[in-house]
C-alpha atoms as a PDB file:
ATOM      1  CA  UNK A   1     -46.868  36.863 -44.799  1.00  0.00           C
ATOM      2  CA  UNK A   2     -45.733  39.153 -41.713  1.00  0.00           C
ATOM      3  CA  UNK A   3     -43.056  38.188 -39.089  1.00  0.00           C
ATOM      4  CA  UNK A   4     -46.271  37.467 -36.808  1.00  0.00           C
ATOM      5  CA  UNK A   5     -48.269  35.299 -39.666  1.00  0.00           C
ATOM      6  CA  UNK A   6     -44.642  33.332 -39.753  1.00  0.00           C
ATOM      7  CA  UNK A   7     -44.343  32.650 -36.101  1.00  0.00           C
ATOM      8  CA  UNK A   8     -48.081  31.354 -35.870  1.00  0.00           C
ATOM      9  CA  UNK A   9     -48.055  29.372 -39.216  1.00  0.00           C
ATOM     10  CA  UNK A  10     -47.650  26.228 -36.994  1.00  0.00           C
ATOM     11  CA  UNK A  11     -50.299  25.598 -34.993  1.00  0.00           C
ATOM     12  CA  UNK A  12     -52.083  23.175 -36.901  1.00  0.00           C
ATOM     13  CA  UNK A  13     -49.915  20.450 -38.001  1.00  0.00           C
ATOM     14  CA  UNK A  14     -50.753  16.553 -37.734  1.00  0.00           C
ATOM     15  CA  UNK A  15     -50.338  15.165 -34.328  1.00  0.00           C
ATOM     16  CA  UNK A  16     -47.345  13.539 -33.248  1.00  0.00           C
ATOM     17  CA  UNK A  17     -47.662   9.343 -34.543  1.00  0.00           C
ATOM     18  CA  UNK A  18     -46.646   7.810 -31.398  1.00  0.00           C
ATOM     19  CA  UNK A  19     -48.083   5.064 -28.882  1.00  0.00           C
ATOM     20  CA  UNK A  20     -50.866   6.912 -26.223  1.00  0.00           C
ATOM     21  CA  UNK A  21     -51.711   5.326 -22.806  1.00  0.00           C
ATOM     22  CA  UNK A  22     -55.039   4.831 -21.399  1.00  0.00           C
ATOM     23  CA  UNK A  23     -56.358   6.456 -18.497  1.00  0.00           C
ATOM     24  CA  UNK A  24     -54.882   3.495 -16.457  1.00  0.00           C
ATOM     25  CA  UNK A  25     -51.099   4.252 -17.885  1.00  0.00           C
ATOM     26  CA  UNK A  26     -50.952   1.296 -19.677  1.00  0.00           C
ATOM     27  CA  UNK A  27     -50.428   1.134 -23.751  1.00  0.00           C
ATOM     28  CA  UNK A  28     -53.958   0.461 -25.185  1.00  0.00           C
ATOM     29  CA  UNK A  29     -55.296  -0.434 -28.983  1.00  0.00           C
ATOM     30  CA  UNK A  30     -51.696  -1.586 -30.434  1.00  0.00           C
ATOM     31  CA  UNK A  31     -52.440  -5.012 -29.454  1.00  0.00           C
ATOM     32  CA  UNK A  32     -55.693  -5.189 -30.829  1.00  0.00           C
ATOM     33  CA  UNK A  33     -55.182  -3.642 -33.714  1.00  0.00           C
ATOM     34  CA  UNK A  34     -52.469  -6.376 -34.401  1.00  0.00           C
ATOM     35  CA  UNK A  35     -54.575  -8.793 -34.268  1.00  0.00           C
ATOM     36  CA  UNK A  36     -57.346  -7.276 -36.353  1.00  0.00           C
ATOM     37  CA  UNK A  37     -55.026  -5.463 -39.301  1.00  0.00           C
ATOM     38  CA  UNK A  38     -52.839  -6.912 -41.624  1.00  0.00           C
ATOM     39  CA  UNK A  39     -49.924  -5.161 -42.765  1.00  0.00           C
ATOM     40  CA  UNK A  40     -51.932  -4.434 -46.438  1.00  0.00           C
ATOM     41  CA  UNK A  41     -54.723  -3.209 -44.204  1.00  0.00           C
ATOM     42  CA  UNK A  42     -51.961  -0.456 -42.437  1.00  0.00           C
ATOM     43  CA  UNK A  43     -51.095   0.814 -45.564  1.00  0.00           C
ATOM     44  CA  UNK A  44     -54.567   1.202 -46.991  1.00  0.00           C
ATOM     45  CA  UNK A  45     -55.927   2.555 -43.893  1.00  0.00           C
ATOM     46  CA  UNK A  46     -52.600   5.018 -43.238  1.00  0.00           C
ATOM     47  CA  UNK A  47     -51.837   3.180 -39.562  1.00  0.00           C
ATOM     48  CA  UNK A  48     -48.757   3.067 -38.634  1.00  0.00           C
ATOM     49  CA  UNK A  49     -47.684  -0.691 -38.264  1.00  0.00           C
ATOM     50  CA  UNK A  50     -46.556  -1.920 -34.786  1.00  0.00           C
ATOM     51  CA  UNK A  51     -42.898  -2.099 -36.021  1.00  0.00           C
ATOM     52  CA  UNK A  52     -42.396   1.451 -36.665  1.00  0.00           C
ATOM     53  CA  UNK A  53     -44.173   2.387 -33.119  1.00  0.00           C
ATOM     54  CA  UNK A  54     -41.341   0.734 -31.863  1.00  0.00           C
ATOM     55  CA  UNK A  55     -39.114   2.021 -33.709  1.00  0.00           C
ATOM     56  CA  UNK A  56     -39.998   5.510 -33.093  1.00  0.00           C
ATOM     57  CA  UNK A  57     -40.527   4.654 -29.318  1.00  0.00           C
ATOM     58  CA  UNK A  58     -36.391   3.353 -29.719  1.00  0.00           C
ATOM     59  CA  UNK A  59     -35.670   7.233 -31.245  1.00  0.00           C
ATOM     60  CA  UNK A  60     -37.469   8.736 -28.342  1.00  0.00           C
ATOM     61  CA  UNK A  61     -35.420   7.039 -26.222  1.00  0.00           C
ATOM     62  CA  UNK A  62     -32.361   7.701 -27.534  1.00  0.00           C
ATOM     63  CA  UNK A  63     -33.001  11.134 -28.116  1.00  0.00           C
ATOM     64  CA  UNK A  64     -33.620  11.673 -24.543  1.00  0.00           C
ATOM     65  CA  UNK A  65     -30.465  10.307 -23.590  1.00  0.00           C
ATOM     66  CA  UNK A  66     -28.578  12.233 -26.021  1.00  0.00           C
ATOM     67  CA  UNK A  67     -29.706  15.402 -24.657  1.00  0.00           C
ATOM     68  CA  UNK A  68     -27.644  14.275 -21.902  1.00  0.00           C
ATOM     69  CA  UNK A  69     -24.195  14.776 -23.452  1.00  0.00           C
ATOM     70  CA  UNK A  70     -21.957  18.497 -22.994  1.00  0.00           C
ATOM     71  CA  UNK A  71     -22.202  19.360 -26.506  1.00  0.00           C
ATOM     72  CA  UNK A  72     -25.820  18.769 -26.710  1.00  0.00           C
ATOM     73  CA  UNK A  73     -26.290  22.162 -24.987  1.00  0.00           C
ATOM     74  CA  UNK A  74     -25.713  23.394 -27.970  1.00  0.00           C
ATOM     75  CA  UNK A  75     -28.382  21.519 -29.572  1.00  0.00           C
ATOM     76  CA  UNK A  76     -30.714  22.635 -26.702  1.00  0.00           C
ATOM     77  CA  UNK A  77     -29.801  26.320 -27.875  1.00  0.00           C
ATOM     78  CA  UNK A  78     -30.442  26.507 -31.481  1.00  0.00           C
ATOM     79  CA  UNK A  79     -33.772  24.409 -30.246  1.00  0.00           C
ATOM     80  CA  UNK A  80     -34.279  27.806 -28.181  1.00  0.00           C
ATOM     81  CA  UNK A  81     -33.713  29.878 -31.334  1.00  0.00           C
ATOM     82  CA  UNK A  82     -36.325  28.076 -33.197  1.00  0.00           C
ATOM     83  CA  UNK A  83     -39.097  27.897 -30.175  1.00  0.00           C
ATOM     84  CA  UNK A  84     -38.733  32.238 -30.808  1.00  0.00           C
ATOM     85  CA  UNK A  85     -39.421  31.522 -34.645  1.00  0.00           C
ATOM     86  CA  UNK A  86     -42.426  28.573 -33.962  1.00  0.00           C
ATOM     87  CA  UNK A  87     -43.466  28.627 -30.547  1.00  0.00           C
ATOM     88  CA  UNK A  88     -44.631  25.270 -30.021  1.00  0.00           C
ATOM     89  CA  UNK A  89     -47.098  23.247 -28.039  1.00  0.00           C
ATOM     90  CA  UNK A  90     -46.838  20.225 -26.373  1.00  0.00           C
ATOM     91  CA  UNK A  91     -49.039  17.129 -27.036  1.00  0.00           C
ATOM     92  CA  UNK A  92     -50.847  15.597 -23.886  1.00  0.00           C
ATOM     93  CA  UNK A  93     -52.613  13.788 -22.299  1.00  0.00           C
ATOM     94  CA  UNK A  94     -50.152  10.410 -22.984  1.00  0.00           C
ATOM     95  CA  UNK A  95     -51.602   9.178 -20.121  1.00  0.00           C
ATOM     96  CA  UNK A  96     -54.058  10.126 -16.923  1.00  0.00           C
ATOM     97  CA  UNK A  97     -54.959  13.337 -17.103  1.00  0.00           C
ATOM     98  CA  UNK A  98     -53.992  14.856 -13.803  1.00  0.00           C
ATOM     99  CA  UNK A  99     -50.218  12.776 -14.709  1.00  0.00           C
ATOM    100  CA  UNK A 100     -49.885  15.394 -17.593  1.00  0.00           C
ATOM    101  CA  UNK A 101     -49.890  18.594 -15.677  1.00  0.00           C
ATOM    102  CA  UNK A 102     -46.327  18.678 -13.885  1.00  0.00           C
ATOM    103  CA  UNK A 103     -45.240  18.297 -18.007  1.00  0.00           C
ATOM    104  CA  UNK A 104     -47.119  20.916 -18.801  1.00  0.00           C
ATOM    105  CA  UNK A 105     -46.072  23.183 -16.325  1.00  0.00           C
ATOM    106  CA  UNK A 106     -42.882  22.567 -17.439  1.00  0.00           C
ATOM    107  CA  UNK A 107     -43.164  22.838 -21.046  1.00  0.00           C
ATOM    108  CA  UNK A 108     -44.531  26.458 -20.363  1.00  0.00           C
ATOM    109  CA  UNK A 109     -42.916  27.500 -17.383  1.00  0.00           C
ATOM    110  CA  UNK A 110     -39.561  26.331 -18.642  1.00  0.00           C
ATOM    111  CA  UNK A 111     -39.250  25.893 -22.322  1.00  0.00           C
ATOM    112  CA  UNK A 112     -41.164  28.836 -23.168  1.00  0.00           C
ATOM    113  CA  UNK A 113     -44.579  26.671 -24.811  1.00  0.00           C
ATOM    114  CA  UNK A 114     -47.526  28.899 -25.587  1.00  0.00           C
ATOM    115  CA  UNK A 115     -50.331  26.132 -25.042  1.00  0.00           C
ATOM    116  CA  UNK A 116     -51.108  22.374 -25.883  1.00  0.00           C
ATOM    117  CA  UNK A 117     -52.381  20.106 -27.755  1.00  0.00           C
ATOM    118  CA  UNK A 118     -54.807  17.834 -25.983  1.00  0.00           C
ATOM    119  CA  UNK A 119     -55.685  14.177 -27.227  1.00  0.00           C
ATOM    120  CA  UNK A 120     -59.031  13.499 -26.170  1.00  0.00           C
ATOM    121  CA  UNK A 121     -59.121  10.362 -26.943  1.00  0.00           C
ATOM    122  CA  UNK A 122     -55.735   8.543 -26.069  1.00  0.00           C
ATOM    123  CA  UNK A 123     -56.825   4.722 -26.626  1.00  0.00           C
ATOM    124  CA  UNK A 124     -55.945   5.636 -30.515  1.00  0.00           C
ATOM    125  CA  UNK A 125     -59.969   5.247 -31.671  1.00  0.00           C
ATOM    126  CA  UNK A 126     -61.538   3.471 -29.414  1.00  0.00           C
ATOM    127  CA  UNK A 127     -62.922   6.219 -27.676  1.00  0.00           C
ATOM    128  CA  UNK A 128     -62.154   4.391 -24.038  1.00  0.00           C
ATOM    129  CA  UNK A 129     -61.831   7.473 -21.848  1.00  0.00           C
ATOM    130  CA  UNK A 130     -63.854   9.960 -20.557  1.00  0.00           C
ATOM    131  CA  UNK A 131     -65.621  12.801 -22.302  1.00  0.00           C
ATOM    132  CA  UNK A 132     -63.639  16.371 -21.740  1.00  0.00           C
ATOM    133  CA  UNK A 133     -66.561  17.491 -19.572  1.00  0.00           C
ATOM    134  CA  UNK A 134     -65.915  14.469 -16.708  1.00  0.00           C
ATOM    135  CA  UNK A 135     -64.161  16.028 -13.520  1.00  0.00           C
ATOM    136  CA  UNK A 136     -60.851  13.457 -14.147  1.00  0.00           C
ATOM    137  CA  UNK A 137     -59.574  16.046 -16.561  1.00  0.00           C
ATOM    138  CA  UNK A 138     -60.192  19.016 -14.204  1.00  0.00           C
ATOM    139  CA  UNK A 139     -56.947  19.106 -12.830  1.00  0.00           C
ATOM    140  CA  UNK A 140     -55.265  19.760 -15.686  1.00  0.00           C
ATOM    141  CA  UNK A 141     -57.945  22.373 -17.042  1.00  0.00           C
ATOM    142  CA  UNK A 142     -57.097  24.297 -13.249  1.00  0.00           C
ATOM    143  CA  UNK A 143     -53.241  24.054 -14.537  1.00  0.00           C
ATOM    144  CA  UNK A 144     -54.606  25.233 -18.100  1.00  0.00           C
ATOM    145  CA  UNK A 145     -56.133  28.026 -16.497  1.00  0.00           C
ATOM    146  CA  UNK A 146     -53.513  28.853 -14.005  1.00  0.00           C
ATOM    147  CA  UNK A 147     -51.054  29.025 -16.821  1.00  0.00           C
ATOM    148  CA  UNK A 148     -53.363  31.043 -19.089  1.00  0.00           C
ATOM    149  CA  UNK A 149     -52.332  28.666 -22.162  1.00  0.00           C
ATOM    150  CA  UNK A 150     -55.240  27.315 -23.984  1.00  0.00           C
ATOM    151  CA  UNK A 151     -55.526  23.828 -25.849  1.00  0.00           C
ATOM    152  CA  UNK A 152     -56.025  22.437 -29.135  1.00  0.00           C
ATOM    153  CA  UNK A 153     -58.172  19.471 -29.147  1.00  0.00           C
ATOM    154  CA  UNK A 154     -56.769  17.142 -31.381  1.00  0.00           C
ATOM    155  CA  UNK A 155     -56.500  13.589 -31.481  1.00  0.00           C
ATOM    156  CA  UNK A 156     -53.465  11.026 -32.342  1.00  0.00           C
ATOM    157  CA  UNK A 157     -53.302   8.522 -34.634  1.00  0.00           C
ATOM    158  CA  UNK A 158     -56.040   5.939 -34.863  1.00  0.00           C
ATOM    159  CA  UNK A 159     -55.165   1.788 -33.479  1.00  0.00           C
ATOM    160  CA  UNK A 160     -58.834   1.178 -34.864  1.00  0.00           C
ATOM    161  CA  UNK A 161     -59.152  -0.212 -38.657  1.00  0.00           C
ATOM    162  CA  UNK A 162     -62.699   1.464 -38.892  1.00  0.00           C
ATOM    163  CA  UNK A 163     -61.513   4.977 -38.502  1.00  0.00           C
ATOM    164  CA  UNK A 164     -58.984   6.221 -40.961  1.00  0.00           C
ATOM    165  CA  UNK A 165     -56.850   8.673 -39.011  1.00  0.00           C
ATOM    166  CA  UNK A 166     -56.738  11.694 -41.148  1.00  0.00           C
ATOM    167  CA  UNK A 167     -60.134  11.197 -42.911  1.00  0.00           C
ATOM    168  CA  UNK A 168     -62.279   9.625 -40.174  1.00  0.00           C
ATOM    169  CA  UNK A 169     -60.809   9.473 -36.626  1.00  0.00           C
ATOM    170  CA  UNK A 170     -59.611  13.878 -37.100  1.00  0.00           C
ATOM    171  CA  UNK A 171     -62.976  14.753 -37.925  1.00  0.00           C
ATOM    172  CA  UNK A 172     -64.802  12.544 -35.796  1.00  0.00           C
ATOM    173  CA  UNK A 173     -62.994  13.809 -33.052  1.00  0.00           C
ATOM    174  CA  UNK A 174     -63.466  17.085 -33.980  1.00  0.00           C
ATOM    175  CA  UNK A 175     -67.109  17.209 -33.996  1.00  0.00           C
ATOM    176  CA  UNK A 176     -67.006  14.210 -31.078  1.00  0.00           C
ATOM    177  CA  UNK A 177     -65.034  17.298 -28.515  1.00  0.00           C
ATOM    178  CA  UNK A 178     -67.275  20.252 -29.689  1.00  0.00           C
ATOM    179  CA  UNK A 179     -70.604  17.813 -28.665  1.00  0.00           C
ATOM    180  CA  UNK A 180     -68.957  17.055 -25.690  1.00  0.00           C
ATOM    181  CA  UNK A 181     -68.786  20.666 -24.925  1.00  0.00           C
ATOM    182  CA  UNK A 182     -72.368  21.364 -25.724  1.00  0.00           C
ATOM    183  CA  UNK A 183     -73.963  19.267 -23.345  1.00  0.00           C
ATOM    184  CA  UNK A 184     -71.442  20.211 -20.518  1.00  0.00           C
ATOM    185  CA  UNK A 185     -71.409  23.026 -18.016  1.00  0.00           C
ATOM    186  CA  UNK A 186     -67.304  23.078 -18.373  1.00  0.00           C
ATOM    187  CA  UNK A 187     -67.049  26.784 -19.495  1.00  0.00           C
ATOM    188  CA  UNK A 188     -69.023  28.154 -16.395  1.00  0.00           C
ATOM    189  CA  UNK A 189     -67.079  26.344 -14.119  1.00  0.00           C
ATOM    190  CA  UNK A 190     -63.486  27.359 -16.065  1.00  0.00           C
ATOM    191  CA  UNK A 191     -64.881  30.718 -18.047  1.00  0.00           C
ATOM    192  CA  UNK A 192     -61.342  31.423 -18.989  1.00  0.00           C
ATOM    193  CA  UNK A 193     -60.732  27.876 -20.894  1.00  0.00           C
ATOM    194  CA  UNK A 194     -59.835  28.679 -24.172  1.00  0.00           C
ATOM    195  CA  UNK A 195     -60.341  25.113 -26.413  1.00  0.00           C
ATOM    196  CA  UNK A 196     -59.359  25.280 -30.030  1.00  0.00           C
ATOM    197  CA  UNK A 197     -61.229  22.484 -32.697  1.00  0.00           C
ATOM    198  CA  UNK A 198     -59.074  22.253 -35.871  1.00  0.00           C
ATOM    199  CA  UNK A 199     -60.082  21.118 -39.037  1.00  0.00           C
ATOM    200  CA  UNK A 200     -62.585  24.099 -39.278  1.00  0.00           C
ATOM    201  CA  UNK A 201     -64.857  22.199 -36.495  1.00  0.00           C
ATOM    202  CA  UNK A 202     -64.897  19.101 -38.251  1.00  0.00           C
ATOM    203  CA  UNK A 203     -68.659  18.525 -39.261  1.00  0.00           C
ATOM    204  CA  UNK A 204     -69.823  21.565 -36.922  1.00  0.00           C
ATOM    205  CA  UNK A 205     -70.106  24.259 -39.194  1.00  0.00           C
ATOM    206  CA  UNK A 206     -71.866  22.292 -41.783  1.00  0.00           C
ATOM    207  CA  UNK A 207     -74.588  21.164 -39.282  1.00  0.00           C
ATOM    208  CA  UNK A 208     -74.741  23.957 -37.166  1.00  0.00           C
ATOM    209  CA  UNK A 209     -78.177  24.135 -37.173  1.00  0.00           C
ATOM    210  CA  UNK A 210     -78.672  20.788 -35.944  1.00  0.00           C
ATOM    211  CA  UNK A 211     -76.127  21.713 -32.863  1.00  0.00           C
ATOM    212  CA  UNK A 212     -78.404  24.748 -32.210  1.00  0.00           C
ATOM    213  CA  UNK A 213     -81.438  22.808 -32.275  1.00  0.00           C
ATOM    214  CA  UNK A 214     -79.599  20.481 -29.821  1.00  0.00           C
ATOM    215  CA  UNK A 215     -78.914  22.778 -27.218  1.00  0.00           C
ATOM    216  CA  UNK A 216     -82.277  25.120 -27.314  1.00  0.00           C
ATOM    217  CA  UNK A 217     -83.959  21.240 -26.584  1.00  0.00           C
ATOM    218  CA  UNK A 218     -81.647  20.458 -23.834  1.00  0.00           C
ATOM    219  CA  UNK A 219     -82.324  24.129 -21.950  1.00  0.00           C
ATOM    220  CA  UNK A 220     -79.338  25.398 -22.951  1.00  0.00           C
ATOM    221  CA  UNK A 221     -78.632  29.360 -23.583  1.00  0.00           C
ATOM    222  CA  UNK A 222     -77.836  30.193 -27.423  1.00  0.00           C
ATOM    223  CA  UNK A 223     -74.877  28.418 -28.910  1.00  0.00           C
ATOM    224  CA  UNK A 224     -73.071  31.277 -29.951  1.00  0.00           C
ATOM    225  CA  UNK A 225     -72.955  32.363 -26.012  1.00  0.00           C
ATOM    226  CA  UNK A 226     -72.656  28.658 -24.735  1.00  0.00           C
ATOM    227  CA  UNK A 227     -69.420  27.754 -26.813  1.00  0.00           C
ATOM    228  CA  UNK A 228     -68.086  31.082 -28.427  1.00  0.00           C
ATOM    229  CA  UNK A 229     -66.535  32.685 -25.963  1.00  0.00           C
ATOM    230  CA  UNK A 230     -64.321  29.537 -25.161  1.00  0.00           C
ATOM    231  CA  UNK A 231     -64.233  27.605 -28.346  1.00  0.00           C
ATOM    232  CA  UNK A 232     -62.119  28.577 -31.216  1.00  0.00           C
ATOM    233  CA  UNK A 233     -61.932  27.240 -34.662  1.00  0.00           C
ATOM    234  CA  UNK A 234     -58.767  26.788 -37.550  1.00  0.00           C
ATOM    235  CA  UNK A 235     -58.561  27.335 -41.162  1.00  0.00           C
ATOM    236  CA  UNK A 236     -57.341  23.509 -42.146  1.00  0.00           C
ATOM    237  CA  UNK A 237     -59.991  23.055 -45.045  1.00  0.00           C
ATOM    238  CA  UNK A 238     -58.754  22.027 -47.829  1.00  0.00           C
ATOM    239  CA  UNK A 239     -60.935  23.497 -50.522  1.00  0.00           C
ATOM    240  CA  UNK A 240     -62.844  27.053 -50.986  1.00  0.00           C
ATOM    241  CA  UNK A 241     -66.553  26.082 -50.533  1.00  0.00           C
ATOM    242  CA  UNK A 242     -65.196  24.263 -46.753  1.00  0.00           C
ATOM    243  CA  UNK A 243     -63.680  27.940 -46.291  1.00  0.00           C
ATOM    244  CA  UNK A 244     -66.253  29.696 -47.182  1.00  0.00           C
ATOM    245  CA  UNK A 245     -68.997  28.426 -45.113  1.00  0.00           C
ATOM    246  CA  UNK A 246     -67.227  28.072 -42.323  1.00  0.00           C
ATOM    247  CA  UNK A 247     -66.894  32.552 -42.272  1.00  0.00           C
ATOM    248  CA  UNK A 248     -70.668  32.500 -43.707  1.00  0.00           C
ATOM    249  CA  UNK A 249     -71.375  30.340 -39.914  1.00  0.00           C
ATOM    250  CA  UNK A 250     -68.492  30.591 -37.375  1.00  0.00           C
ATOM    251  CA  UNK A 251     -68.093  34.622 -36.527  1.00  0.00           C
ATOM    252  CA  UNK A 252     -64.832  35.558 -37.424  1.00  0.00           C
ATOM    253  CA  UNK A 253     -63.256  36.546 -33.966  1.00  0.00           C
ATOM    254  CA  UNK A 254     -63.777  32.919 -33.519  1.00  0.00           C
ATOM    255  CA  UNK A 255     -62.112  31.602 -36.846  1.00  0.00           C
ATOM    256  CA  UNK A 256     -57.483  31.234 -36.204  1.00  0.00           C
ATOM    257  CA  UNK A 257     -55.686  30.716 -39.519  1.00  0.00           C
ATOM    258  CA  UNK A 258     -54.418  27.579 -39.424  1.00  0.00           C
ATOM    259  CA  UNK A 259     -51.938  26.204 -41.682  1.00  0.00           C
ATOM    260  CA  UNK A 260     -50.054  22.821 -42.391  1.00  0.00           C
ATOM    261  CA  UNK A 261     -46.234  21.581 -41.692  1.00  0.00           C
ATOM    262  CA  UNK A 262     -46.869  17.527 -43.052  1.00  0.00           C
ATOM    263  CA  UNK A 263     -50.949  18.160 -43.951  1.00  0.00           C
ATOM    264  CA  UNK A 264     -53.275  15.385 -44.473  1.00  0.00           C
ATOM    265  CA  UNK A 265     -53.161  15.954 -47.893  1.00  0.00           C
ATOM    266  CA  UNK A 266     -49.714  16.498 -50.042  1.00  0.00           C
ATOM    267  CA  UNK A 267     -50.702  16.673 -53.214  1.00  0.00           C
ATOM    268  CA  UNK A 268     -51.737  19.897 -55.588  1.00  0.00           C
ATOM    269  CA  UNK A 269     -55.365  19.600 -56.518  1.00  0.00           C
ATOM    270  CA  UNK A 270     -56.103  19.384 -60.409  1.00  0.00           C
ATOM    271  CA  UNK A 271     -58.841  21.342 -60.528  1.00  0.00           C
ATOM    272  CA  UNK A 272     -56.853  24.299 -59.153  1.00  0.00           C
ATOM    273  CA  UNK A 273     -53.110  23.873 -59.946  1.00  0.00           C
ATOM    274  CA  UNK A 274     -52.524  24.314 -56.409  1.00  0.00           C
ATOM    275  CA  UNK A 275     -51.748  22.180 -53.158  1.00  0.00           C
ATOM    276  CA  UNK A 276     -54.744  21.297 -51.111  1.00  0.00           C
ATOM    277  CA  UNK A 277     -53.313  21.986 -48.316  1.00  0.00           C
ATOM    278  CA  UNK A 278     -52.364  25.638 -48.877  1.00  0.00           C
ATOM    279  CA  UNK A 279     -54.842  27.104 -46.912  1.00  0.00           C
ATOM    280  CA  UNK A 280     -53.697  31.080 -46.465  1.00  0.00           C
ATOM    281  CA  UNK A 281     -54.925  31.468 -50.035  1.00  0.00           C
ATOM    282  CA  UNK A 282     -58.380  30.082 -49.100  1.00  0.00           C
ATOM    283  CA  UNK A 283     -58.252  32.776 -46.811  1.00  0.00           C
ATOM    284  CA  UNK A 284     -57.122  35.409 -49.336  1.00  0.00           C
ATOM    285  CA  UNK A 285     -60.037  34.648 -51.553  1.00  0.00           C
ATOM    286  CA  UNK A 286     -62.402  35.551 -49.221  1.00  0.00           C
ATOM    287  CA  UNK A 287     -64.571  38.575 -49.537  1.00  0.00           C
ATOM    288  CA  UNK A 288     -64.305  39.995 -46.008  1.00  0.00           C
ATOM    289  CA  UNK A 289     -62.332  43.329 -44.991  1.00  0.00           C
ATOM    290  CA  UNK A 290     -58.825  43.587 -44.307  1.00  0.00           C
ATOM    291  CA  UNK A 291     -59.428  44.168 -40.937  1.00  0.00           C
ATOM    292  CA  UNK A 292     -61.520  40.791 -40.193  1.00  0.00           C
ATOM    293  CA  UNK A 293     -58.064  38.600 -42.667  1.00  0.00           C
ATOM    294  CA  UNK A 294     -55.974  40.874 -39.961  1.00  0.00           C
ATOM    295  CA  UNK A 295     -57.880  38.954 -37.403  1.00  0.00           C
ATOM    296  CA  UNK A 296     -57.700  35.674 -38.465  1.00  0.00           C
ATOM    297  CA  UNK A 297     -53.761  36.033 -39.795  1.00  0.00           C
ATOM    298  CA  UNK A 298     -52.768  37.407 -36.520  1.00  0.00           C
ATOM    299  CA  UNK A 299     -54.855  39.388 -34.425  1.00  0.00           C
ATOM    300  CA  UNK A 300     -57.218  36.189 -32.695  1.00  0.00           C
ATOM    301  CA  UNK A 301     -54.172  33.901 -32.489  1.00  0.00           C
ATOM    302  CA  UNK A 302     -52.521  36.638 -29.762  1.00  0.00           C
ATOM    303  CA  UNK A 303     -55.771  37.173 -28.279  1.00  0.00           C
ATOM    304  CA  UNK A 304     -56.244  33.222 -27.610  1.00  0.00           C
ATOM    305  CA  UNK A 305     -52.521  32.836 -26.950  1.00  0.00           C
ATOM    306  CA  UNK A 306     -51.831  35.714 -24.741  1.00  0.00           C
ATOM    307  CA  UNK A 307     -48.316  34.326 -24.084  1.00  0.00           C
ATOM    308  CA  UNK A 308     -48.045  34.400 -27.921  1.00  0.00           C
ATOM    309  CA  UNK A 309     -48.238  37.577 -28.093  1.00  0.00           C
ATOM    310  CA  UNK A 310     -46.301  38.668 -25.367  1.00  0.00           C
ATOM    311  CA  UNK A 311     -43.197  37.002 -27.093  1.00  0.00           C
ATOM    312  CA  UNK A 312     -44.065  38.483 -30.039  1.00  0.00           C
ATOM    313  CA  UNK A 313     -44.430  42.383 -27.988  1.00  0.00           C
ATOM    314  CA  UNK A 314     -41.149  41.245 -26.627  1.00  0.00           C
ATOM    315  CA  UNK A 315     -39.629  41.222 -29.935  1.00  0.00           C
ATOM    316  CA  UNK A 316     -41.671  44.721 -31.048  1.00  0.00           C
ATOM    317  CA  UNK A 317     -43.510  42.576 -33.430  1.00  0.00           C
END
């Protein structure tokens, strides 16, 4: 894998497991989950126990206090070196969308972040927030457009026992976000806004005909014209037939290579002898041209993430 591929390998990884806040700024979902889910259920469903949420919150508080130490400047210098190797993207929102703008500005302008992770469901599986097309999101979109950075639309953990977080909540969210965009005129208002939908787009490629038909019934333009100038998909799909389908349905210019740093499935597939989340080998096995593979592994990412492209060019890559 080339240096440029290595720089973009971490675009998709499991979102930070943290306590999100609802649009009213208060913690939501956690208390409800406490009353609904037993410790055995938490382990079975893949939910973090409340004690773990508290432990992680305390770790984050300690980490922030550690950053004020004089010797922390050395740690920050090492962190900046890591940013050159694996450009990061902050996870937002943790509160009302408009409240995230200052942090987005800081992360991009001061820390060199190249995009952000946009959580469409801060309630953690209860879906209490307005859809992505709602105007309450517009201040955030205005800042994304101003900074010319994309957002990966990716939820965080699930506090709803009906939705396992990696097996259901993630895929549900990918599909829900796409449908919210389909029913809106968001990209008419923000023609340069760019979203990356992970996990191969959830159920979208498999039901592409359904979505084309829905768009047609709503009097919308053809689906590719309506969304594919602004919406992209990654390759975090864990089997070859799924990747094959993705590339049969979605134009190669809209597919970005995504690998896992801590994947939803960490074991070895007994049918292949390889790790389920070794996504590069699925792309390597595709019957597509060298130029198209170059787009997937590098070119599309540099186009969708122009700040990444600028950084790589500055490094002579």
